[in-house]
Structure formats: C-alpha cells, structure tokens
C-alpha cells in the first residue's frame, strides 16, 4: 500500500484499516492496528503471521481496545485470552 494508511475506529472499539494485500489482513481485507503494531515491533517476523493463522490473539493489557502502544499488547494463544477483553 502506498501513501498513508487510513485507520478508523470500528463499532467494536478496535482501530482498523482496509489493506487487503497485507499478510495480516482478514478475508475482508481489513487489518487491526494492534496486529500491525505488534508485527512491526517484531521486525515483521513470519512467526507472528503463523501465530495469527493458528488462532493467537493480541491482548490489550489495560482492556482499552484502542490503546495500541506496544507495551500494552501481549500475544495470547487460543484458550489463554480472557473473554470480553
């Protein structure tokens, strides 16, 4: 994607962008900013893409879905993420 990314707040409180060519994009073409930040902070490591494909999630430690500072993000494996957070 060339130029600036157009991030927006979705109805669930997450910051999203439409970026269908990104390796972390959903089938709809959307990408969550928290996944993008986690991926970039880890030097675009392929293991992050694989973890997402295997069902891992990104947990917001302070439960604020729009607080995507890297120190607030934590990778969680399936079954290790509290519901509603």
Protein backbone atom coordinates (compact mmCIF):
# COMPACT_ATOMS: atom_id res chain seq x y z
CA UNK A 1 0.00 0.00 0.00
CA UNK A 2 1.42 3.35 -0.99
CA UNK A 3 0.82 6.53 0.95
CA UNK A 4 -0.79 6.84 4.33
CA UNK A 5 -2.91 4.17 5.96
CA UNK A 6 -6.47 5.32 6.73
CA UNK A 7 -7.11 3.96 10.23
CA UNK A 8 -10.64 4.16 11.67
CA UNK A 9 -12.40 3.11 14.85
CA UNK A 10 -14.82 0.24 14.24
CA UNK A 11 -18.07 -0.49 16.11
CA UNK A 12 -16.25 -2.91 18.46
CA UNK A 13 -13.74 -0.29 19.58
CA UNK A 14 -10.77 -1.56 17.55
CA UNK A 15 -8.74 0.62 15.19
CA UNK A 16 -8.86 -0.90 11.70
CA UNK A 17 -7.75 -0.18 8.13
CA UNK A 18 -8.55 -1.63 4.74
CA UNK A 19 -5.33 -3.18 3.44
CA UNK A 20 -6.12 -6.42 1.56
CA UNK A 21 -2.54 -7.01 0.38
CA UNK A 22 -1.06 -7.09 3.91
CA UNK A 23 -0.05 -10.53 5.22
CA UNK A 24 -2.13 -9.98 8.39
CA UNK A 25 -5.30 -8.89 6.55
CA UNK A 26 -8.55 -10.73 7.13
CA UNK A 27 -10.52 -12.18 4.22
CA UNK A 28 -12.50 -8.92 4.17
CA UNK A 29 -9.26 -7.00 3.57
CA UNK A 30 -9.26 -5.39 6.99
CA UNK A 31 -6.27 -5.27 9.31
CA UNK A 32 -6.33 -4.49 13.02
CA UNK A 33 -3.92 -1.80 14.13
CA UNK A 34 -2.87 -3.82 17.20
CA UNK A 35 -1.75 -6.72 14.98
CA UNK A 36 0.05 -4.32 12.66
CA UNK A 37 1.91 -2.62 15.54
CA UNK A 38 2.87 -5.95 17.13
CA UNK A 39 4.11 -7.22 13.75
CA UNK A 40 6.17 -4.09 13.05
CA UNK A 41 7.63 -4.08 16.58
CA UNK A 42 8.92 -7.61 15.97
CA UNK A 43 10.64 -6.76 12.68
CA UNK A 44 7.83 -8.21 10.54
CA UNK A 45 8.57 -11.70 11.83
CA UNK A 46 6.81 -14.51 9.95
CA UNK A 47 6.07 -16.33 13.20
CA UNK A 48 3.54 -13.60 14.04
CA UNK A 49 1.60 -14.28 10.83
CA UNK A 50 1.69 -18.03 11.60
CA UNK A 51 0.56 -17.42 15.19
CA UNK A 52 -2.44 -15.42 13.93
CA UNK A 53 -3.29 -18.19 11.46
CA UNK A 54 -3.16 -20.69 14.35
CA UNK A 55 -5.70 -18.67 16.35
CA UNK A 56 -3.49 -16.48 18.54
CA UNK A 57 -4.91 -13.13 19.62
CA UNK A 58 -3.44 -9.85 20.80
CA UNK A 59 -4.46 -8.93 24.34
CA UNK A 60 -4.73 -5.28 25.42
CA UNK A 61 -3.34 -5.38 28.97
CA UNK A 62 -5.36 -2.36 30.11
CA UNK A 63 -8.53 -3.61 28.31
CA UNK A 64 -8.66 -0.47 26.13
CA UNK A 65 -9.10 -1.74 22.58
CA UNK A 66 -7.85 1.48 21.03
CA UNK A 67 -4.66 1.69 23.15
CA UNK A 68 -2.20 0.07 20.76
CA UNK A 69 1.05 1.09 22.38
CA UNK A 70 3.42 -1.88 22.10
CA UNK A 71 3.85 -2.02 25.88
CA UNK A 72 0.08 -2.59 26.16
CA UNK A 73 -0.01 -5.51 23.71
CA UNK A 74 0.57 -9.16 24.52
CA UNK A 75 0.29 -12.22 22.26
CA UNK A 76 -2.07 -14.86 23.63
CA UNK A 77 -2.59 -18.41 22.40
CA UNK A 78 -6.06 -19.92 21.99
CA UNK A 79 -7.70 -20.54 25.36
CA UNK A 80 -5.34 -18.10 27.10
CA UNK A 81 -7.24 -14.87 26.38
CA UNK A 82 -9.98 -13.62 28.72
CA UNK A 83 -13.39 -13.21 27.07
CA UNK A 84 -14.56 -9.66 26.55
CA UNK A 85 -11.10 -8.13 26.84
